[in-house]
Amino acid sequence: MPINVAAVQQALRAQGLDGWLWYDFQGSNPVAYRMAGMGAAGHLATRRWFYLIPASGEPRALVHAIERYNLDHLPGAKTVYAGREQLADGLRTLLAGMTRVAMEYSPNCAIPYVSRVDAGTIELVRGLGVEVASSGDLIQQFESRWSDAAIATHRRASAALYRIKDQAFESVAQRLRDGVPTTEYDIQQQMVGWFGDEGLIADSAPCVSAQENAGNPHYLASATTHRVIRPDELVLLDLWGKLATPGAVYADITWIGFAGSRVPDRMTAAFAAICGARDAAVATVEEAARAGRDVRGFEADRAARKVLADAGFADAVLHRTGHSLGENVHGNGAHLDDYETHDERRLLPGSGFTIEPGLYFKDFGVRTEINMVWTAEGPEVTGPRQASIVTLV
């Protein structure tokens, strides 16, 4: 979808910025590449290009002579360069009148998902007397907010994931009842087939993790690396997907089962703690929305991890509380994070994100994951919240 220049300019003025400067070299800045619609344009992009949207006036571009047509689909004037001296002169002209511009940069790389422009290019811009500010909030506003149609795709994907989750647990239970040996990989591959039946796509097969493998947050069973699921073992399912249609956005859930009739007390206690942490994060977002105040990613993470720390589990936390969702499963919006990073970006109306606190030990791990979408009616959890570990036998 073409960028709404007028809306960007209004946002720039609201943030006290003179412009938003997009820069890319061979796909080094996927944010700028997507915002500029380079993939849709279908051109090679082997040389450096810049595109400036000023707070007022016409946008302008700087492109290499052998790729002079790459930004023709965008509005505004264009300057063509070839040699390095022409590049330097062209950038100076492009930034004439600019004092402070936004780029895909985060001070001290505090938010690495935003820091896409290399240090040398930042130095080049600063050397022209222009201050560089982070484009983090702009990215959220113009790339991470979902239309009503996108929200509808999320809901359909979410409902499908819950059906697949139920099928997977039932398959584990049936195999155990029948005495059929089964592995993590067996269940994972069944799930891959059900993804196809539901019309879902994903960037990876789902995670099926038994017992100690569930203590590794990013364990992924494969044809060569997997284990048998035995009776009286914990089984973690982490599955994410989206509809195979343009503009569709992801849903992403995690549920826990137990291949027995009585869940051990340690697992029950750990799971109760993450459920409390999850609900604290939800409440933080909902209360801020009701009060009409901004809520930032780090606040929701902080609320969740306080529950885990108060329950004595601080040392078993390995990751943030949640991540942005979008057309990629890890989107470019605010993450629920005051652990791996300090994400000060606002959780915006129109955005979607996960809430997924987890605890990880040598012999098992537990995680609960739900999705929240900030609709026109307010923040909404888009699927059931797991209240207790599912017993499969």
Protein backbone atom coordinates (compact mmCIF):
# COMPACT_ATOMS: atom_id res chain seq x y z
CA MET A 1 0.00 0.00 0.00
CA PRO A 2 1.49 3.42 -0.94
CA ILE A 3 2.73 5.50 1.96
CA ASN A 4 0.36 8.23 3.12
CA VAL A 5 2.72 11.19 2.90
CA ALA A 6 0.28 13.66 4.46
CA ALA A 7 -0.23 11.38 7.49
CA VAL A 8 3.53 10.92 7.90
CA GLN A 9 4.06 14.66 7.73
CA GLN A 10 1.44 15.25 10.38
CA ALA A 11 3.17 12.70 12.64
CA LEU A 12 6.56 14.31 12.01
CA ARG A 13 5.28 17.71 13.05
CA ALA A 14 3.67 16.21 16.16
CA GLN A 15 7.03 14.71 17.15
CA GLY A 16 9.05 17.84 16.40
CA LEU A 17 10.93 16.19 13.53
CA ASP A 18 11.99 17.85 10.27
CA GLY A 19 11.78 14.63 8.28
CA TRP A 20 11.94 10.86 8.10
CA LEU A 21 14.98 9.65 6.16
CA TRP A 22 14.78 6.13 4.75
CA TYR A 23 18.03 4.45 3.83
CA ASP A 24 18.85 0.98 2.54
CA PHE A 25 21.77 -0.92 1.07
CA GLN A 26 21.12 -4.38 -0.33
CA GLY A 27 18.24 -5.02 2.06
CA SER A 28 20.18 -3.96 5.18
CA ASN A 29 17.16 -1.97 6.37
CA PRO A 30 14.08 -4.16 5.96
CA VAL A 31 11.90 -1.47 7.53
CA ALA A 32 12.78 1.12 4.88
CA TYR A 33 12.67 -1.54 2.16
CA ARG A 34 9.11 -2.47 3.09
CA MET A 35 7.93 1.08 3.75
CA ALA A 36 9.19 2.12 0.34
CA GLY A 37 7.44 -0.83 -1.30
CA MET A 38 10.66 -2.04 -2.88
CA GLY A 39 9.60 -5.67 -2.92
CA ALA A 40 6.35 -4.80 -4.67
CA ALA A 41 8.25 -2.64 -7.15
CA GLY A 42 10.22 -5.69 -8.25
CA HIS A 43 13.55 -3.92 -8.86
CA LEU A 44 17.10 -4.91 -8.03
CA ALA A 45 18.49 -2.93 -5.10
CA THR A 46 22.26 -3.36 -5.08
CA ARG A 47 23.24 0.27 -4.41
CA ARG A 48 22.53 2.77 -1.64
CA TRP A 49 19.34 4.78 -1.84
CA PHE A 50 17.78 7.47 0.35
CA TYR A 51 14.23 8.78 0.49
CA LEU A 52 13.27 11.78 2.60
CA ILE A 53 9.75 12.65 3.67
CA PRO A 54 10.00 16.20 5.07
CA ALA A 55 7.61 17.54 7.68
CA SER A 56 6.35 19.89 4.98
CA GLY A 57 6.92 20.05 1.25
CA GLU A 58 7.54 17.42 -1.38
CA PRO A 59 9.42 14.17 -0.65
CA ARG A 60 12.72 13.66 -2.44
CA ALA A 61 14.90 10.70 -3.34
CA LEU A 62 18.57 9.96 -3.99
CA VAL A 63 19.24 6.90 -6.17
CA HIS A 64 22.14 5.34 -8.05
CA ALA A 65 22.36 5.81 -11.82
CA ILE A 66 22.19 2.10 -12.60
CA GLU A 67 19.04 1.81 -10.45
CA ARG A 68 17.57 5.21 -11.19
CA TYR A 69 14.03 3.88 -11.57
CA ASN A 70 13.80 2.08 -8.23
CA LEU A 71 11.84 4.77 -6.39
CA ASP A 72 9.74 6.01 -9.31
CA HIS A 73 6.64 4.50 -7.69
CA LEU A 74 7.00 6.96 -4.79
CA PRO A 75 5.99 10.62 -4.95
CA GLY A 76 8.53 13.44 -5.14
CA ALA A 77 11.60 14.67 -6.94
CA LYS A 78 14.63 12.48 -7.59
CA THR A 79 18.38 13.08 -7.73
CA VAL A 80 20.63 10.54 -9.48
CA TYR A 81 24.23 9.87 -8.42
CA ALA A 82 26.97 7.56 -9.64
CA GLY A 83 30.35 8.32 -8.04
CA ARG A 84 31.01 8.78 -4.35
CA GLU A 85 31.47 12.54 -4.72
CA GLN A 86 28.05 12.76 -6.34
CA LEU A 87 26.62 10.70 -3.49
CA ALA A 88 28.07 13.08 -0.91
CA ASP A 89 26.80 16.13 -2.78
CA GLY A 90 23.41 14.53 -3.35
CA LEU A 91 22.96 13.68 0.32
CA ARG A 92 23.94 17.21 1.32
CA THR A 93 21.31 18.61 -1.05
CA LEU A 94 18.72 16.05 0.09
CA LEU A 95 19.14 17.13 3.71
CA ALA A 96 19.29 20.87 3.07
CA GLY A 97 17.15 22.65 5.64
CA MET A 98 16.94 19.62 7.91
CA THR A 99 17.96 19.93 11.57
CA ARG A 100 16.52 16.74 13.07
CA VAL A 101 15.44 13.65 11.13
CA ALA A 102 14.21 10.21 12.12
CA MET A 103 16.02 7.10 10.94
CA GLU A 104 15.93 3.41 11.83
CA TYR A 105 18.21 3.97 14.80
CA SER A 106 17.97 3.32 18.55
CA PRO A 107 20.38 5.00 21.00
CA ASN A 108 22.83 2.42 22.34
CA CYS A 109 20.87 -0.17 20.32
CA ALA A 110 18.35 -0.26 23.16
CA ILE A 111 15.73 -1.61 20.74
CA PRO A 112 17.61 -3.73 18.17
CA TYR A 113 14.45 -4.28 16.13
CA VAL A 114 14.59 -0.56 15.27
CA SER A 115 18.38 -0.20 14.85
CA ARG A 116 18.73 -1.05 11.16
CA VAL A 117 20.96 1.76 9.85
CA ASP A 118 24.70 1.15 10.20
CA ALA A 119 26.84 3.42 12.38
CA GLY A 120 28.79 4.76 9.40
CA THR A 121 25.67 6.05 7.69
CA ILE A 122 24.50 7.67 10.93
CA GLU A 123 27.91 9.36 11.15
CA LEU A 124 27.57 10.53 7.55
CA VAL A 125 24.23 12.20 8.27
CA ARG A 126 25.44 13.72 11.53
CA GLY A 127 28.51 15.00 9.72
CA LEU A 128 26.18 17.16 7.65
CA GLY A 129 24.96 18.85 10.82
CA VAL A 130 21.72 16.89 11.09
CA GLU A 131 20.62 15.28 14.35
CA VAL A 132 19.36 11.69 14.06
CA ALA A 133 16.40 10.59 16.18
CA SER A 134 14.79 7.16 16.45
CA SER A 135 11.97 6.33 14.05
CA GLY A 136 10.60 3.71 16.48
CA ASP A 137 7.24 5.37 17.07
CA LEU A 138 6.86 6.22 13.39
CA ILE A 139 7.45 2.60 12.41
CA GLN A 140 4.73 1.54 14.82
CA GLN A 141 2.28 4.10 13.56
CA PHE A 142 2.73 3.35 9.87
CA GLU A 143 3.71 -0.30 9.75
CA SER A 144 2.47 -2.02 12.88
CA ARG A 145 -1.17 -0.94 13.11
CA TRP A 146 -3.71 -3.33 11.66
CA SER A 147 -6.71 -2.55 9.51
CA ASP A 148 -10.08 -4.13 10.29
CA ALA A 149 -9.39 -6.60 7.48
CA ALA A 150 -6.05 -7.57 9.01
CA ILE A 151 -7.65 -8.04 12.43
CA ALA A 152 -10.17 -10.38 10.79
CA THR A 153 -7.33 -12.51 9.38
CA HIS A 154 -5.78 -12.69 12.83
CA ARG A 155 -9.03 -13.92 14.35
CA ARG A 156 -9.39 -16.64 11.73
CA ALA A 157 -5.78 -17.74 12.19
CA SER A 158 -6.19 -17.76 15.97
CA ALA A 159 -9.29 -19.96 15.83
CA ALA A 160 -7.47 -22.38 13.53
CA LEU A 161 -4.46 -22.59 15.86
CA TYR A 162 -6.68 -23.51 18.79
CA ARG A 163 -8.27 -26.29 16.73
CA ILE A 164 -4.84 -27.60 15.76
CA LYS A 165 -3.72 -27.46 19.40
CA ASP A 166 -6.72 -29.57 20.43
CA GLN A 167 -6.03 -32.10 17.67
CA ALA A 168 -2.40 -32.39 18.72
CA PHE A 169 -3.21 -33.04 22.37
CA GLU A 170 -5.84 -35.58 21.40
CA SER A 171 -3.34 -37.34 19.13
CA VAL A 172 -0.80 -37.60 21.96
CA ALA A 173 -3.51 -38.90 24.31
CA GLN A 174 -4.82 -41.47 21.79
CA ARG A 175 -1.36 -42.79 21.03
CA LEU A 176 -0.58 -43.17 24.71
CA ARG A 177 -3.90 -44.97 25.32
CA ASP A 178 -3.19 -47.29 22.39
CA GLY A 179 0.42 -47.91 23.41
CA VAL A 180 1.71 -46.48 20.14
CA PRO A 181 5.24 -45.05 20.44
CA THR A 182 5.20 -41.38 19.46
CA THR A 183 7.79 -38.65 19.23
CA GLU A 184 7.80 -34.89 19.27
CA TYR A 185 8.54 -34.99 15.56
CA ASP A 186 5.55 -37.26 14.86
CA ILE A 187 3.17 -34.79 16.48
CA GLN A 188 4.87 -31.81 14.86
CA GLN A 189 4.48 -33.30 11.40
CA GLN A 190 0.83 -34.06 12.02
CA MET A 191 0.39 -30.41 12.96
CA VAL A 192 2.11 -29.30 9.76
CA GLY A 193 -0.52 -31.26 7.83
CA TRP A 194 -3.32 -29.64 9.81
CA PHE A 195 -1.86 -26.22 9.05
CA GLY A 196 -2.34 -27.02 5.38
CA ASP A 197 -5.90 -28.19 6.02
CA GLU A 198 -6.66 -24.89 7.77
CA GLY A 199 -5.06 -22.76 5.03
CA LEU A 200 -2.32 -21.48 7.35
CA ILE A 201 1.29 -20.74 6.56
CA ALA A 202 4.22 -20.08 8.91
CA ASP A 203 7.95 -19.44 8.77
CA SER A 204 8.63 -22.68 10.65
CA ALA A 205 7.06 -25.90 11.78
CA PRO A 206 5.50 -25.63 15.26
CA CYS A 207 7.38 -26.47 18.44
CA VAL A 208 6.51 -29.72 20.20
CA SER A 209 8.68 -30.09 23.30
CA ALA A 210 8.55 -32.89 25.86
CA GLN A 211 9.78 -32.63 29.44
CA GLU A 212 13.39 -31.29 29.55
CA ASN A 213 13.14 -30.04 25.96
CA ALA A 214 10.34 -27.71 27.11
CA GLY A 215 13.02 -26.08 29.29
CA ASN A 216 14.63 -24.81 26.06
CA PRO A 217 12.38 -21.95 24.84
CA HIS A 218 13.42 -22.31 21.19
CA TYR A 219 13.82 -26.06 20.97
CA LEU A 220 12.56 -27.28 17.59
CA ALA A 221 12.16 -30.99 16.90
CA SER A 222 13.47 -32.22 13.55
CA ALA A 223 13.76 -35.51 11.70
CA THR A 224 17.16 -36.06 13.33
CA THR A 225 16.71 -34.32 16.69
CA HIS A 226 13.70 -35.35 18.78
CA ARG A 227 12.67 -37.58 21.65
CA VAL A 228 9.87 -39.99 22.50
CA ILE A 229 6.95 -38.57 24.50
CA ARG A 230 6.55 -40.87 27.50
CA PRO A 231 3.76 -41.25 30.05
CA ASP A 232 3.78 -38.75 32.90
CA GLU A 233 5.75 -36.15 30.96
CA LEU A 234 4.99 -32.53 30.20
CA VAL A 235 4.27 -31.60 26.56
CA LEU A 236 4.56 -27.99 25.35
CA LEU A 237 2.97 -26.87 22.07
CA ASP A 238 4.01 -23.52 20.56
CA LEU A 239 2.32 -22.81 17.23
CA TRP A 240 2.02 -19.72 15.08
CA GLY A 241 0.60 -19.04 11.65
CA LYS A 242 -1.34 -16.74 9.36
CA LEU A 243 -3.70 -17.09 6.43
CA ALA A 244 -2.08 -17.52 3.03
CA THR A 245 -3.54 -14.24 1.77
CA PRO A 246 -1.89 -10.84 1.12
CA GLY A 247 -1.91 -8.60 4.16
CA ALA A 248 -2.71 -11.39 6.62
CA VAL A 249 -1.19 -11.13 10.11
CA TYR A 250 -0.06 -13.80 12.53
CA ALA A 251 -1.56 -15.44 15.58
CA ASP A 252 0.80 -17.20 18.03
CA ILE A 253 -0.17 -19.41 21.00
CA THR A 254 1.46 -21.77 23.50
CA TRP A 255 -0.31 -24.43 25.61
CA ILE A 256 0.91 -27.05 28.06
CA GLY A 257 -0.29 -30.65 28.45
CA PHE A 258 0.72 -33.51 30.71
CA ALA A 259 0.81 -37.11 29.51
CA GLY A 260 -0.71 -38.45 32.71
CA SER A 261 -3.60 -37.97 35.10
CA ARG A 262 -1.85 -36.10 37.93
CA VAL A 263 0.41 -33.12 37.28
CA PRO A 264 3.40 -32.91 39.68
CA ASP A 265 3.22 -30.13 42.24
CA ARG A 266 6.33 -28.35 40.89
CA MET A 267 4.78 -28.05 37.46
CA THR A 268 1.45 -26.94 38.90
CA ALA A 269 3.11 -24.21 40.98
CA ALA A 270 5.21 -22.94 38.07
CA PHE A 271 2.22 -22.91 35.75
CA ALA A 272 0.08 -21.03 38.28
CA ALA A 273 2.80 -18.38 38.49
CA ILE A 274 2.97 -17.79 34.73
CA CYS A 275 -0.82 -17.60 34.52
CA GLY A 276 -0.74 -14.90 37.21
CA ALA A 277 2.01 -13.08 35.32
CA ARG A 278 0.08 -13.27 32.07
CA ASP A 279 -3.07 -11.91 33.67
CA ALA A 280 -1.12 -9.08 35.33
CA ALA A 281 0.19 -7.98 31.93
CA VAL A 282 -3.33 -8.10 30.48
CA ALA A 283 -4.66 -6.05 33.38
CA THR A 284 -1.91 -3.46 32.95
CA VAL A 285 -2.89 -2.87 29.33
CA GLU A 286 -6.63 -2.90 30.02
CA GLU A 287 -6.39 -0.50 32.96
CA ALA A 288 -4.29 1.97 30.98
CA ALA A 289 -6.80 1.87 28.13
CA ARG A 290 -9.72 2.50 30.49
CA ALA A 291 -7.84 5.43 32.05
CA GLY A 292 -7.03 6.87 28.62
CA ARG A 293 -3.29 6.90 29.28
CA ASP A 294 -0.40 5.55 27.26
CA VAL A 295 1.00 2.16 28.20
CA ARG A 296 4.48 1.19 27.12
CA GLY A 297 5.94 -2.20 26.40
CA PHE A 298 8.26 -2.23 29.40
CA GLU A 299 5.37 -1.56 31.79
CA ALA A 300 3.46 -4.71 30.86
CA ASP A 301 6.64 -6.80 31.06
CA ARG A 302 7.50 -5.33 34.44
CA ALA A 303 4.04 -6.14 35.81
CA ALA A 304 4.29 -9.77 34.65
CA ARG A 305 7.80 -10.38 35.94
CA LYS A 306 6.94 -8.92 39.35
CA VAL A 307 4.44 -11.76 39.78
CA LEU A 308 7.12 -14.31 38.88
CA ALA A 309 9.69 -12.73 41.18
CA ASP A 310 7.22 -12.54 44.08
CA ALA A 311 6.52 -16.26 43.58
CA GLY A 312 10.25 -17.02 43.87
CA PHE A 313 10.87 -17.75 40.19
CA ALA A 314 13.00 -14.77 39.10
CA ASP A 315 15.98 -17.00 38.26
CA ALA A 316 13.89 -19.16 35.91
CA VAL A 317 12.96 -16.28 33.57
CA LEU A 318 14.86 -16.33 30.25
CA HIS A 319 12.95 -13.95 27.97
CA ARG A 320 10.66 -10.94 27.71
CA THR A 321 6.91 -11.20 28.32
CA GLY A 322 5.75 -10.70 24.74
CA HIS A 323 6.42 -9.53 21.22
CA SER A 324 4.70 -7.56 18.49
CA LEU A 325 2.73 -9.43 15.86
CA GLY A 326 2.40 -8.50 12.20
CA GLU A 327 2.82 -9.95 8.75
CA ASN A 328 5.93 -11.50 10.30
CA VAL A 329 5.41 -13.43 13.51
CA HIS A 330 7.80 -11.03 15.25
CA GLY A 331 6.45 -7.67 14.17
CA ASN A 332 7.94 -4.19 14.27
CA GLY A 333 5.70 -2.77 16.99
CA ALA A 334 6.39 -2.45 20.69
CA HIS A 335 7.45 -5.59 22.52
CA LEU A 336 6.49 -6.32 26.12
CA ASP A 337 10.06 -6.05 27.30
CA ASP A 338 11.92 -4.62 30.25
CA TYR A 339 14.21 -7.65 30.45
CA GLU A 340 16.08 -8.21 27.19
CA THR A 341 15.63 -4.55 26.22
CA HIS A 342 13.90 -1.52 27.75
CA ASP A 343 11.12 -0.98 25.23
CA GLU A 344 9.67 2.46 25.83
CA ARG A 345 7.46 2.37 22.74
CA ARG A 346 3.74 2.74 23.29
CA LEU A 347 1.33 -0.13 22.74
CA LEU A 348 -0.81 1.49 20.08
CA PRO A 349 -4.49 1.09 19.22
CA GLY A 350 -4.63 -1.02 16.08
CA SER A 351 -1.66 -3.19 17.06
CA GLY A 352 -1.39 -6.84 18.04
CA PHE A 353 1.06 -8.54 20.38
CA THR A 354 1.65 -11.70 22.39
CA ILE A 355 1.70 -12.11 26.15
CA GLU A 356 3.81 -15.18 26.90
CA PRO A 357 5.58 -15.43 30.26
CA GLY A 358 7.58 -18.62 30.77
CA LEU A 359 9.71 -20.38 33.37
CA TYR A 360 12.50 -22.77 32.45
CA PHE A 361 14.27 -25.44 34.47
CA LYS A 362 16.69 -28.26 33.66
CA ASP A 363 13.99 -30.93 33.71
CA PHE A 364 10.99 -29.03 32.26
CA GLY A 365 9.66 -25.65 31.24
CA VAL A 366 6.25 -23.98 31.17
CA ARG A 367 4.89 -21.13 29.09
CA THR A 368 1.44 -19.70 28.46
CA GLU A 369 0.91 -17.56 25.38
CA ILE A 370 -2.09 -15.55 24.31
CA ASN A 371 -2.62 -12.75 21.82
CA MET A 372 -3.99 -9.29 22.45
CA VAL A 373 -5.32 -6.94 19.77
CA TRP A 374 -6.12 -3.30 20.46
CA THR A 375 -9.33 -2.86 18.50
CA ALA A 376 -11.57 0.20 18.21
CA GLU A 377 -13.37 -1.07 21.33
CA GLY A 378 -10.13 -1.40 23.30
CA PRO A 379 -7.56 -4.12 24.06
CA GLU A 380 -8.95 -7.63 23.57
CA VAL A 381 -7.55 -11.09 24.22
CA THR A 382 -8.42 -13.00 21.05
CA GLY A 383 -8.53 -16.56 22.36
CA PRO A 384 -8.98 -18.64 25.51
CA ARG A 385 -6.50 -18.33 28.36
CA GLN A 386 -5.21 -21.66 29.65
CA ALA A 387 -6.10 -21.92 33.35
CA SER A 388 -4.43 -25.22 34.23
CA ILE A 389 -2.20 -27.81 32.61
CA VAL A 390 -4.24 -30.13 30.38
CA THR A 391 -4.13 -33.75 31.51
CA LEU A 392 -3.99 -36.02 28.48
CA VAL A 393 -4.65 -39.39 30.13
